[in-house]
Amino acid sequence: FCLSRGLGDVYKRQPKKLPFNKFVCLVTGTTSAGKSAFISHFMGVPCRKSAQCQQDTSFTIVETCPPDIFSRYSDTFRQASDYHTQFTKKELMEPIDDLYTDKRYGWVFVELNTHATLTRYDSQLSEYVTDISALELFQTLLINEAYLPNIEANDGISTRTIMIDSPGYDSGQNTELLDKFFGNLKLLQFLYTMS
């Protein structure tokens, strides 16, 4: 990775098919298996809505980023010095009811659509851009590291890990959703090779 990146810098080129620069963990399971709850617990702040029914039909990349990078994606959060007075610990740890109307949206987390996800992870996902775009297979949830309460307690492992939350599945779903999920096995294999 470092050698490829270094050569790219010398020739002013961005190499394709680079691995992610963090650990990657793909979380799969049936609907209501606890995937979102596990990811929220691992990241140290509620970032995914937990529910008894299927919430998504696409994969969600969940990643933390420093405040200066987070501010590029958020219209709300602009300065790292502002975060101290925004939320109490109790408010920060409340479960998410609706992502977009949550008072923490834009401060603690922000969601990127498929197009923004492909732009952010161009080097890693470029081989599958047509399939990802056509089916809107990926979205990203970025978490502002300024709000992570336990970075020191867990040795910063959440800041060095990308979690990929898969859509839930069960035998009672309609054929279209099953085809969409199982049709992405090549993507799952690709993500496995990148981790």
N, C-alpha and C. Protein backbone atom coordinates (compact mmCIF):
# COMPACT_ATOMS: atom_id res chain seq x y z
N PHE A 1 0.83 -1.19 0.00
CA PHE A 1 0.00 0.00 0.00
C PHE A 1 0.87 1.25 0.00
N CYS A 2 1.83 1.31 0.91
CA CYS A 2 2.69 2.50 1.00
C CYS A 2 3.52 2.68 -0.26
N LEU A 3 4.03 1.57 -0.82
CA LEU A 3 4.81 1.64 -2.04
C LEU A 3 3.95 2.14 -3.20
N SER A 4 2.74 1.60 -3.33
CA SER A 4 1.82 2.04 -4.40
C SER A 4 1.47 3.50 -4.24
N ARG A 5 1.18 3.91 -3.03
CA ARG A 5 0.83 5.31 -2.77
C ARG A 5 2.02 6.22 -3.07
N GLY A 6 3.22 5.80 -2.67
CA GLY A 6 4.42 6.60 -2.94
C GLY A 6 4.69 6.77 -4.41
N LEU A 7 4.55 5.69 -5.18
CA LEU A 7 4.74 5.79 -6.64
C LEU A 7 3.69 6.69 -7.26
N GLY A 8 2.47 6.60 -6.77
CA GLY A 8 1.41 7.46 -7.27
C GLY A 8 1.70 8.93 -7.01
N ASP A 9 2.27 9.23 -5.84
CA ASP A 9 2.62 10.61 -5.52
C ASP A 9 3.71 11.14 -6.43
N VAL A 10 4.71 10.29 -6.73
CA VAL A 10 5.82 10.71 -7.60
C VAL A 10 5.30 11.09 -8.99
N TYR A 11 4.39 10.27 -9.54
CA TYR A 11 3.91 10.51 -10.89
C TYR A 11 2.56 11.23 -10.93
N LYS A 12 2.15 11.77 -9.79
CA LYS A 12 0.89 12.51 -9.69
C LYS A 12 -0.30 11.67 -10.16
N ARG A 13 -0.30 10.42 -9.81
CA ARG A 13 -1.39 9.51 -10.18
C ARG A 13 -1.99 8.90 -8.93
N GLN A 14 -3.29 8.65 -8.98
CA GLN A 14 -3.98 7.97 -7.89
C GLN A 14 -4.14 6.51 -8.30
N PRO A 15 -3.41 5.59 -7.67
CA PRO A 15 -3.53 4.19 -8.07
C PRO A 15 -4.92 3.63 -7.77
N LYS A 16 -5.40 2.75 -8.64
CA LYS A 16 -6.70 2.11 -8.44
C LYS A 16 -6.49 0.79 -7.69
N LYS A 17 -7.59 0.26 -7.18
CA LYS A 17 -7.60 -1.03 -6.49
C LYS A 17 -6.70 -1.06 -5.26
N LEU A 18 -6.64 0.06 -4.55
CA LEU A 18 -5.90 0.08 -3.29
C LEU A 18 -6.78 -0.50 -2.18
N PRO A 19 -6.18 -1.18 -1.23
CA PRO A 19 -6.98 -1.62 -0.09
C PRO A 19 -7.38 -0.44 0.77
N PHE A 20 -8.38 -0.64 1.60
CA PHE A 20 -8.73 0.40 2.56
C PHE A 20 -7.55 0.60 3.50
N ASN A 21 -7.39 1.81 4.01
CA ASN A 21 -6.26 2.08 4.90
C ASN A 21 -6.61 1.83 6.36
N LYS A 22 -7.70 1.11 6.61
CA LYS A 22 -8.12 0.73 7.96
C LYS A 22 -8.54 -0.74 7.92
N PHE A 23 -8.71 -1.31 9.10
CA PHE A 23 -9.29 -2.65 9.18
C PHE A 23 -10.71 -2.59 8.63
N VAL A 24 -11.16 -3.63 7.95
CA VAL A 24 -12.52 -3.67 7.41
C VAL A 24 -13.24 -4.87 8.01
N CYS A 25 -14.42 -4.63 8.54
CA CYS A 25 -15.23 -5.70 9.13
C CYS A 25 -16.61 -5.67 8.47
N LEU A 26 -16.96 -6.72 7.77
CA LEU A 26 -18.26 -6.85 7.13
C LEU A 26 -19.19 -7.59 8.09
N VAL A 27 -20.31 -6.97 8.44
CA VAL A 27 -21.26 -7.55 9.38
C VAL A 27 -22.50 -7.99 8.61
N THR A 28 -22.74 -9.30 8.56
CA THR A 28 -23.92 -9.83 7.87
C THR A 28 -24.79 -10.59 8.87
N GLY A 29 -26.05 -10.74 8.52
CA GLY A 29 -26.95 -11.48 9.38
C GLY A 29 -28.39 -11.24 8.98
N THR A 30 -29.26 -11.95 9.65
CA THR A 30 -30.68 -11.82 9.36
C THR A 30 -31.23 -10.51 9.93
N THR A 31 -32.42 -10.17 9.51
CA THR A 31 -33.11 -9.00 10.05
C THR A 31 -33.25 -9.16 11.56
N SER A 32 -33.00 -8.12 12.31
CA SER A 32 -33.10 -8.09 13.77
C SER A 32 -32.08 -8.98 14.46
N ALA A 33 -30.95 -9.23 13.82
CA ALA A 33 -29.91 -10.06 14.44
C ALA A 33 -29.02 -9.25 15.38
N GLY A 34 -29.12 -7.91 15.33
CA GLY A 34 -28.31 -7.06 16.18
C GLY A 34 -27.10 -6.46 15.49
N LYS A 35 -27.10 -6.46 14.15
CA LYS A 35 -25.97 -5.91 13.40
C LYS A 35 -25.76 -4.43 13.71
N SER A 36 -26.82 -3.65 13.63
CA SER A 36 -26.72 -2.20 13.87
C SER A 36 -26.37 -1.90 15.31
N ALA A 37 -26.93 -2.64 16.25
CA ALA A 37 -26.61 -2.44 17.67
C ALA A 37 -25.14 -2.75 17.93
N PHE A 38 -24.64 -3.82 17.31
CA PHE A 38 -23.22 -4.18 17.46
C PHE A 38 -22.32 -3.07 16.92
N ILE A 39 -22.65 -2.54 15.74
CA ILE A 39 -21.83 -1.49 15.13
C ILE A 39 -21.86 -0.23 15.98
N SER A 40 -23.03 0.17 16.46
CA SER A 40 -23.13 1.36 17.32
C SER A 40 -22.30 1.18 18.59
N HIS A 41 -22.37 -0.01 19.19
CA HIS A 41 -21.60 -0.28 20.41
C HIS A 41 -20.10 -0.24 20.10
N PHE A 42 -19.71 -0.85 19.01
CA PHE A 42 -18.29 -0.88 18.63
C PHE A 42 -17.75 0.52 18.39
N MET A 43 -18.53 1.34 17.71
CA MET A 43 -18.09 2.70 17.38
C MET A 43 -18.12 3.62 18.61
N GLY A 44 -18.87 3.26 19.63
CA GLY A 44 -18.88 4.04 20.86
C GLY A 44 -19.95 5.11 20.94
N VAL A 45 -20.77 5.22 19.90
CA VAL A 45 -21.85 6.21 19.88
C VAL A 45 -22.96 5.66 19.00
N PRO A 46 -24.24 5.84 19.39
CA PRO A 46 -25.31 5.36 18.53
C PRO A 46 -25.22 6.01 17.14
N CYS A 47 -25.13 5.18 16.12
CA CYS A 47 -24.98 5.71 14.76
C CYS A 47 -25.89 4.99 13.78
N ARG A 48 -26.48 3.88 14.20
CA ARG A 48 -27.37 3.10 13.34
C ARG A 48 -28.67 2.87 14.10
N LYS A 49 -29.78 2.96 13.40
CA LYS A 49 -31.08 2.72 14.02
C LYS A 49 -31.28 1.22 14.17
N SER A 50 -31.63 0.79 15.35
CA SER A 50 -31.94 -0.62 15.60
C SER A 50 -33.45 -0.80 15.52
N ALA A 51 -33.88 -1.83 14.81
CA ALA A 51 -35.32 -2.06 14.64
C ALA A 51 -35.60 -3.54 14.43
N GLN A 52 -36.86 -3.89 14.55
CA GLN A 52 -37.29 -5.27 14.36
C GLN A 52 -37.55 -5.62 12.89
N CYS A 53 -37.55 -4.61 12.03
CA CYS A 53 -37.80 -4.86 10.61
C CYS A 53 -36.60 -4.36 9.80
N GLN A 54 -36.56 -4.70 8.53
CA GLN A 54 -35.45 -4.32 7.68
C GLN A 54 -35.41 -2.79 7.52
N GLN A 55 -34.23 -2.20 7.71
CA GLN A 55 -34.05 -0.76 7.61
C GLN A 55 -33.45 -0.34 6.27
N ASP A 56 -32.59 -1.16 5.70
CA ASP A 56 -31.88 -0.79 4.49
C ASP A 56 -31.93 -1.92 3.47
N THR A 57 -31.75 -1.54 2.21
CA THR A 57 -31.57 -2.53 1.15
C THR A 57 -30.20 -2.36 0.52
N SER A 58 -29.33 -1.61 1.17
CA SER A 58 -27.99 -1.40 0.65
C SER A 58 -26.98 -1.60 1.78
N PHE A 59 -25.73 -1.74 1.41
CA PHE A 59 -24.65 -1.85 2.37
C PHE A 59 -24.32 -0.45 2.88
N THR A 60 -24.01 -0.33 4.16
CA THR A 60 -23.64 0.96 4.73
C THR A 60 -22.23 0.86 5.30
N ILE A 61 -21.35 1.70 4.76
CA ILE A 61 -19.99 1.80 5.27
C ILE A 61 -20.02 2.77 6.45
N VAL A 62 -19.61 2.31 7.61
CA VAL A 62 -19.60 3.14 8.81
C VAL A 62 -18.15 3.39 9.19
N GLU A 63 -17.76 4.67 9.18
CA GLU A 63 -16.37 5.02 9.43
C GLU A 63 -16.29 6.30 10.24
N THR A 64 -15.29 6.39 11.09
CA THR A 64 -15.03 7.64 11.80
C THR A 64 -14.04 8.47 11.00
N CYS A 65 -14.06 9.77 11.22
CA CYS A 65 -13.07 10.65 10.59
C CYS A 65 -12.82 11.85 11.50
N PRO A 66 -11.65 12.45 11.38
CA PRO A 66 -11.33 13.63 12.21
C PRO A 66 -12.26 14.79 11.89
N PRO A 67 -12.41 15.73 12.83
CA PRO A 67 -13.33 16.85 12.64
C PRO A 67 -13.08 17.67 11.37
N ASP A 68 -11.82 17.86 10.99
CA ASP A 68 -11.55 18.67 9.80
C ASP A 68 -12.05 17.99 8.53
N ILE A 69 -11.98 16.68 8.47
CA ILE A 69 -12.51 15.95 7.30
C ILE A 69 -14.03 15.88 7.38
N PHE A 70 -14.57 15.64 8.58
CA PHE A 70 -16.02 15.58 8.75
C PHE A 70 -16.68 16.87 8.29
N SER A 71 -16.04 18.00 8.57
CA SER A 71 -16.64 19.29 8.21
C SER A 71 -16.79 19.47 6.70
N ARG A 72 -16.04 18.73 5.90
CA ARG A 72 -16.19 18.79 4.44
C ARG A 72 -17.51 18.19 3.97
N TYR A 73 -18.06 17.28 4.77
CA TYR A 73 -19.27 16.57 4.38
C TYR A 73 -20.52 17.08 5.09
N SER A 74 -20.34 17.93 6.08
CA SER A 74 -21.47 18.39 6.87
C SER A 74 -21.70 19.88 6.67
N ASP A 75 -22.96 20.26 6.51
CA ASP A 75 -23.30 21.67 6.41
C ASP A 75 -23.42 22.30 7.80
N THR A 76 -23.51 21.48 8.84
CA THR A 76 -23.73 21.96 10.21
C THR A 76 -22.43 22.16 10.97
N PHE A 77 -21.61 21.11 11.01
CA PHE A 77 -20.38 21.13 11.80
C PHE A 77 -19.29 21.89 11.03
N ARG A 78 -18.74 22.92 11.64
CA ARG A 78 -17.72 23.72 10.94
C ARG A 78 -16.41 23.85 11.70
N GLN A 79 -16.45 23.86 13.02
CA GLN A 79 -15.23 24.06 13.79
C GLN A 79 -15.13 23.03 14.91
N ALA A 80 -13.96 22.48 15.06
CA ALA A 80 -13.75 21.49 16.12
C ALA A 80 -13.96 22.10 17.50
N SER A 81 -13.74 23.40 17.66
CA SER A 81 -13.90 24.03 18.97
C SER A 81 -15.36 24.14 19.39
N ASP A 82 -16.30 23.96 18.47
CA ASP A 82 -17.72 24.10 18.78
C ASP A 82 -18.31 22.86 19.46
N TYR A 83 -17.67 21.71 19.34
CA TYR A 83 -18.34 20.48 19.72
C TYR A 83 -18.52 20.30 21.22
N HIS A 84 -17.71 20.95 22.05
CA HIS A 84 -17.76 20.71 23.49
C HIS A 84 -19.10 21.07 24.11
N THR A 85 -19.79 22.06 23.61
CA THR A 85 -21.02 22.53 24.25
C THR A 85 -22.29 22.03 23.58
N GLN A 86 -22.20 21.18 22.58
CA GLN A 86 -23.37 20.80 21.82
C GLN A 86 -24.25 19.75 22.50
N PHE A 87 -23.67 18.70 23.05
CA PHE A 87 -24.46 17.59 23.57
C PHE A 87 -23.92 17.10 24.91
N THR A 88 -24.84 16.78 25.81
CA THR A 88 -24.43 16.11 27.05
C THR A 88 -24.16 14.65 26.70
N LYS A 89 -23.52 13.95 27.62
CA LYS A 89 -23.24 12.52 27.38
C LYS A 89 -24.55 11.75 27.21
N LYS A 90 -25.57 12.11 28.01
CA LYS A 90 -26.86 11.44 27.90
C LYS A 90 -27.48 11.67 26.52
N GLU A 91 -27.44 12.91 26.03
CA GLU A 91 -27.98 13.22 24.70
C GLU A 91 -27.19 12.50 23.61
N LEU A 92 -25.88 12.41 23.79
CA LEU A 92 -25.02 11.77 22.81
C LEU A 92 -25.32 10.27 22.68
N MET A 93 -25.71 9.64 23.79
CA MET A 93 -25.91 8.19 23.80
C MET A 93 -27.37 7.76 23.57
N GLU A 94 -28.27 8.71 23.29
CA GLU A 94 -29.67 8.35 23.02
C GLU A 94 -29.77 7.53 21.74
N PRO A 95 -30.68 6.55 21.72
CA PRO A 95 -30.88 5.77 20.49
C PRO A 95 -31.40 6.67 19.37
N ILE A 96 -31.15 6.25 18.14
CA ILE A 96 -31.60 7.00 16.98
C ILE A 96 -33.01 6.57 16.62
N ASP A 97 -33.92 7.54 16.51
CA ASP A 97 -35.28 7.26 16.06
C ASP A 97 -35.37 7.44 14.55
N ASP A 98 -34.97 8.61 14.06
CA ASP A 98 -34.92 8.87 12.62
C ASP A 98 -33.61 9.60 12.34
N LEU A 99 -32.80 9.06 11.46
CA LEU A 99 -31.46 9.57 11.21
C LEU A 99 -31.46 11.04 10.81
N TYR A 100 -32.32 11.41 9.87
CA TYR A 100 -32.25 12.76 9.29
C TYR A 100 -32.85 13.84 10.18
N THR A 101 -33.76 13.49 11.07
CA THR A 101 -34.33 14.49 11.97
C THR A 101 -33.65 14.48 13.35
N ASP A 102 -32.73 13.56 13.55
CA ASP A 102 -32.00 13.48 14.81
C ASP A 102 -31.19 14.76 15.01
N LYS A 103 -31.20 15.31 16.23
CA LYS A 103 -30.51 16.57 16.50
C LYS A 103 -29.00 16.44 16.37
N ARG A 104 -28.48 15.21 16.38
CA ARG A 104 -27.04 15.00 16.24
C ARG A 104 -26.59 14.92 14.78
N TYR A 105 -27.58 14.80 13.87
CA TYR A 105 -27.23 14.68 12.45
C TYR A 105 -26.52 15.96 11.98
N GLY A 106 -25.40 15.78 11.32
CA GLY A 106 -24.61 16.92 10.87
C GLY A 106 -23.54 17.34 11.86
N TRP A 107 -23.70 16.92 13.11
CA TRP A 107 -22.70 17.20 14.14
C TRP A 107 -21.91 15.94 14.50
N VAL A 108 -22.64 14.89 14.84
CA VAL A 108 -22.00 13.64 15.28
C VAL A 108 -21.85 12.67 14.10
N PHE A 109 -22.85 12.60 13.26
CA PHE A 109 -22.80 11.71 12.09
C PHE A 109 -23.48 12.37 10.91
N VAL A 110 -23.10 11.92 9.73
CA VAL A 110 -23.70 12.41 8.49
C VAL A 110 -23.69 11.24 7.50
N GLU A 111 -24.74 11.17 6.69
CA GLU A 111 -24.84 10.07 5.72
C GLU A 111 -24.48 10.57 4.33
N LEU A 112 -23.71 9.76 3.61
CA LEU A 112 -23.35 10.06 2.23
C LEU A 112 -24.12 9.11 1.32
N ASN A 113 -24.69 9.65 0.25
CA ASN A 113 -25.42 8.79 -0.69
C ASN A 113 -24.44 7.97 -1.53
N THR A 114 -24.98 7.19 -2.46
CA THR A 114 -24.14 6.31 -3.27
C THR A 114 -23.09 7.08 -4.05
N HIS A 115 -23.48 8.18 -4.67
CA HIS A 115 -22.52 8.96 -5.46
C HIS A 115 -21.38 9.49 -4.60
N ALA A 116 -21.70 10.07 -3.45
CA ALA A 116 -20.66 10.59 -2.56
C ALA A 116 -19.79 9.45 -2.01
N THR A 117 -20.39 8.28 -1.77
CA THR A 117 -19.63 7.13 -1.31
C THR A 117 -18.62 6.70 -2.36
N LEU A 118 -19.06 6.64 -3.62
CA LEU A 118 -18.15 6.25 -4.71
C LEU A 118 -17.02 7.27 -4.87
N THR A 119 -17.31 8.53 -4.64
CA THR A 119 -16.28 9.56 -4.72
C THR A 119 -15.27 9.39 -3.58
N ARG A 120 -15.78 9.14 -2.37
CA ARG A 120 -14.88 8.99 -1.22
C ARG A 120 -14.01 7.74 -1.32
N TYR A 121 -14.57 6.65 -1.82
CA TYR A 121 -13.84 5.37 -1.88
C TYR A 121 -13.55 4.97 -3.33
N ASP A 122 -13.20 5.93 -4.15
CA ASP A 122 -12.96 5.68 -5.56
C ASP A 122 -11.91 4.60 -5.80
N SER A 123 -10.79 4.67 -5.08
CA SER A 123 -9.72 3.71 -5.29
C SER A 123 -10.12 2.29 -4.94
N GLN A 124 -11.01 2.15 -3.97
CA GLN A 124 -11.39 0.82 -3.53
C GLN A 124 -12.58 0.24 -4.31
N LEU A 125 -13.51 1.07 -4.73
CA LEU A 125 -14.75 0.57 -5.32
C LEU A 125 -14.85 0.80 -6.83
N SER A 126 -13.82 1.34 -7.46
CA SER A 126 -13.91 1.73 -8.87
C SER A 126 -14.23 0.56 -9.80
N GLU A 127 -13.80 -0.63 -9.47
CA GLU A 127 -14.04 -1.80 -10.32
C GLU A 127 -15.54 -2.13 -10.42
N TYR A 128 -16.31 -1.72 -9.41
CA TYR A 128 -17.73 -2.08 -9.36
C TYR A 128 -18.65 -0.87 -9.48
N VAL A 129 -18.12 0.23 -10.01
CA VAL A 129 -18.87 1.49 -10.02
C VAL A 129 -20.20 1.37 -10.77
N THR A 130 -20.25 0.65 -11.86
CA THR A 130 -21.48 0.53 -12.64
C THR A 130 -22.56 -0.19 -11.84
N ASP A 131 -22.21 -1.32 -11.25
CA ASP A 131 -23.19 -2.09 -10.47
C ASP A 131 -23.63 -1.32 -9.22
N ILE A 132 -22.67 -0.71 -8.54
CA ILE A 132 -22.99 0.03 -7.32
C ILE A 132 -23.92 1.20 -7.63
N SER A 133 -23.63 1.92 -8.71
CA SER A 133 -24.47 3.08 -9.08
C SER A 133 -25.86 2.66 -9.51
N ALA A 134 -25.94 1.64 -10.36
CA ALA A 134 -27.24 1.21 -10.89
C ALA A 134 -28.17 0.71 -9.80
N LEU A 135 -27.63 -0.02 -8.85
CA LEU A 135 -28.45 -0.63 -7.80
C LEU A 135 -28.40 0.15 -6.49
N GLU A 136 -27.63 1.24 -6.45
CA GLU A 136 -27.44 2.01 -5.22
C GLU A 136 -27.09 1.09 -4.05
N LEU A 137 -26.02 0.33 -4.25
CA LEU A 137 -25.66 -0.73 -3.31
C LEU A 137 -24.97 -0.24 -2.04
N PHE A 138 -24.34 0.95 -2.09
CA PHE A 138 -23.58 1.42 -0.94
C PHE A 138 -23.99 2.83 -0.55
N GLN A 139 -23.94 3.09 0.73
CA GLN A 139 -24.02 4.43 1.29
C GLN A 139 -23.00 4.46 2.42
N THR A 140 -22.71 5.64 2.92
CA THR A 140 -21.70 5.77 3.97
C THR A 140 -22.27 6.58 5.12
N LEU A 141 -21.93 6.18 6.32
CA LEU A 141 -22.25 6.95 7.52
C LEU A 141 -20.92 7.34 8.15
N LEU A 142 -20.61 8.64 8.12
CA LEU A 142 -19.39 9.14 8.73
C LEU A 142 -19.68 9.61 10.14
N ILE A 143 -18.78 9.28 11.07
CA ILE A 143 -18.92 9.67 12.47
C ILE A 143 -17.79 10.63 12.80
N ASN A 144 -18.13 11.74 13.41
CA ASN A 144 -17.16 12.76 13.80
C ASN A 144 -16.39 12.27 15.03
N GLU A 145 -15.09 12.10 14.90
CA GLU A 145 -14.27 11.59 16.00
C GLU A 145 -14.26 12.51 17.22
N ALA A 146 -14.61 13.77 17.01
CA ALA A 146 -14.64 14.71 18.14
C ALA A 146 -15.68 14.31 19.18
N TYR A 147 -16.66 13.51 18.78
CA TYR A 147 -17.73 13.11 19.70
C TYR A 147 -17.57 11.71 20.26
N LEU A 148 -16.54 11.01 19.89
CA LEU A 148 -16.37 9.65 20.40
C LEU A 148 -15.87 9.72 21.84
N PRO A 149 -16.67 9.20 22.79
CA PRO A 149 -16.34 9.36 24.20
C PRO A 149 -15.23 8.44 24.69
N ASN A 150 -14.98 7.34 23.98
CA ASN A 150 -14.06 6.34 24.55
C ASN A 150 -12.91 6.00 23.61
N ILE A 151 -12.39 6.98 22.88
CA ILE A 151 -11.27 6.69 21.98
C ILE A 151 -10.08 6.15 22.76
N GLU A 152 -9.75 6.80 23.87
CA GLU A 152 -8.59 6.36 24.66
C GLU A 152 -8.87 5.02 25.34
N ALA A 153 -10.11 4.81 25.78
CA ALA A 153 -10.44 3.60 26.52
C ALA A 153 -10.28 2.35 25.67
N ASN A 154 -10.60 2.45 24.37
CA ASN A 154 -10.49 1.24 23.53
C ASN A 154 -9.28 1.30 22.61
N ASP A 155 -8.29 2.12 22.96
CA ASP A 155 -7.05 2.23 22.21
C ASP A 155 -7.29 2.72 20.78
N GLY A 156 -8.39 3.43 20.55
CA GLY A 156 -8.67 4.00 19.23
C GLY A 156 -9.04 2.99 18.16
N ILE A 157 -9.43 1.79 18.57
CA ILE A 157 -9.73 0.75 17.57
C ILE A 157 -10.89 1.17 16.67
N SER A 158 -11.86 1.91 17.19
CA SER A 158 -12.99 2.33 16.36
C SER A 158 -12.56 3.33 15.29
N THR A 159 -11.51 4.09 15.55
CA THR A 159 -11.02 5.04 14.56
C THR A 159 -10.15 4.37 13.50
N ARG A 160 -9.75 3.14 13.76
CA ARG A 160 -8.91 2.41 12.80
C ARG A 160 -9.66 1.28 12.11
N THR A 161 -11.00 1.29 12.23
CA THR A 161 -11.81 0.22 11.66
C THR A 161 -12.95 0.80 10.84
N ILE A 162 -13.20 0.18 9.70
CA ILE A 162 -14.37 0.48 8.88
C ILE A 162 -15.33 -0.69 9.05
N MET A 163 -16.54 -0.39 9.48
CA MET A 163 -17.57 -1.43 9.60
C MET A 163 -18.48 -1.32 8.38
N ILE A 164 -18.83 -2.45 7.80
CA ILE A 164 -19.77 -2.46 6.68
C ILE A 164 -21.00 -3.24 7.13
N ASP A 165 -22.10 -2.51 7.24
CA ASP A 165 -23.37 -3.07 7.69
C ASP A 165 -24.14 -3.55 6.47
N SER A 166 -24.45 -4.83 6.43
CA SER A 166 -25.19 -5.38 5.29
C SER A 166 -26.69 -5.28 5.55
N PRO A 167 -27.47 -5.28 4.48
CA PRO A 167 -28.92 -5.31 4.70
C PRO A 167 -29.31 -6.64 5.33
N GLY A 168 -30.29 -6.61 6.20
CA GLY A 168 -30.76 -7.86 6.81
C GLY A 168 -31.50 -8.69 5.79
N TYR A 169 -31.55 -9.96 6.01
CA TYR A 169 -32.26 -10.85 5.11
C TYR A 169 -32.94 -11.95 5.91
N ASP A 170 -34.00 -12.48 5.39
CA ASP A 170 -34.65 -13.65 5.97
C ASP A 170 -35.41 -14.37 4.88
N SER A 171 -35.86 -15.55 5.18
CA SER A 171 -36.50 -16.39 4.16
C SER A 171 -37.87 -15.87 3.73
N GLY A 172 -38.44 -14.93 4.47
CA GLY A 172 -39.76 -14.42 4.12
C GLY A 172 -39.74 -13.22 3.20
N GLN A 173 -38.57 -12.75 2.79
CA GLN A 173 -38.51 -11.57 1.93
C GLN A 173 -38.92 -11.90 0.51
N ASN A 174 -39.28 -10.86 -0.23
CA ASN A 174 -39.66 -11.09 -1.62
C ASN A 174 -38.43 -11.40 -2.46
N THR A 175 -38.67 -11.96 -3.62
CA THR A 175 -37.60 -12.44 -4.48
C THR A 175 -36.68 -11.31 -4.95
N GLU A 176 -37.25 -10.15 -5.20
CA GLU A 176 -36.44 -9.03 -5.71
C GLU A 176 -35.35 -8.65 -4.71
N LEU A 177 -35.68 -8.54 -3.43
CA LEU A 177 -34.69 -8.18 -2.43
C LEU A 177 -33.65 -9.29 -2.26
N LEU A 178 -34.09 -10.55 -2.31
CA LEU A 178 -33.14 -11.66 -2.21
C LEU A 178 -32.19 -11.66 -3.38
N ASP A 179 -32.72 -11.44 -4.58
CA ASP A 179 -31.86 -11.40 -5.76
C ASP A 179 -30.84 -10.28 -5.65
N LYS A 180 -31.28 -9.14 -5.15
CA LYS A 180 -30.37 -8.01 -4.99
C LYS A 180 -29.28 -8.33 -3.98
N PHE A 181 -29.67 -8.95 -2.86
CA PHE A 181 -28.67 -9.27 -1.83
C PHE A 181 -27.70 -10.35 -2.31
N PHE A 182 -28.22 -11.45 -2.80
CA PHE A 182 -27.35 -12.54 -3.20
C PHE A 182 -26.62 -12.25 -4.50
N GLY A 183 -27.14 -11.32 -5.28
CA GLY A 183 -26.45 -10.92 -6.50
C GLY A 183 -25.19 -10.14 -6.23
N ASN A 184 -24.97 -9.76 -4.99
CA ASN A 184 -23.80 -8.97 -4.64
C ASN A 184 -22.68 -9.82 -4.04
N LEU A 185 -22.71 -11.11 -4.28
CA LEU A 185 -21.67 -11.97 -3.72
C LEU A 185 -20.29 -11.58 -4.22
N LYS A 186 -20.19 -11.12 -5.46
CA LYS A 186 -18.90 -10.67 -5.97
C LYS A 186 -18.39 -9.49 -5.16
N LEU A 187 -19.31 -8.62 -4.77
CA LEU A 187 -18.90 -7.49 -3.94
C LEU A 187 -18.43 -7.96 -2.57
N LEU A 188 -19.14 -8.92 -2.00
CA LEU A 188 -18.73 -9.45 -0.70
C LEU A 188 -17.35 -10.08 -0.79
N GLN A 189 -17.10 -10.82 -1.86
CA GLN A 189 -15.79 -11.44 -2.06
C GLN A 189 -14.73 -10.36 -2.21
N PHE A 190 -15.08 -9.31 -2.95
CA PHE A 190 -14.13 -8.21 -3.14
C PHE A 190 -13.81 -7.55 -1.80
N LEU A 191 -14.83 -7.28 -0.99
CA LEU A 191 -14.59 -6.65 0.32
C LEU A 191 -13.74 -7.55 1.21
N TYR A 192 -13.95 -8.85 1.11
CA TYR A 192 -13.15 -9.79 1.89
C TYR A 192 -11.67 -9.69 1.49
N THR A 193 -11.41 -9.59 0.17
CA THR A 193 -10.03 -9.50 -0.28
C THR A 193 -9.38 -8.18 0.11
N MET A 194 -10.21 -7.13 0.33
CA MET A 194 -9.66 -5.82 0.70
C MET A 194 -9.45 -5.68 2.19
N SER A 195 -9.95 -6.61 3.00
CA SER A 195 -9.81 -6.47 4.45
C SER A 195 -8.50 -7.06 4.94
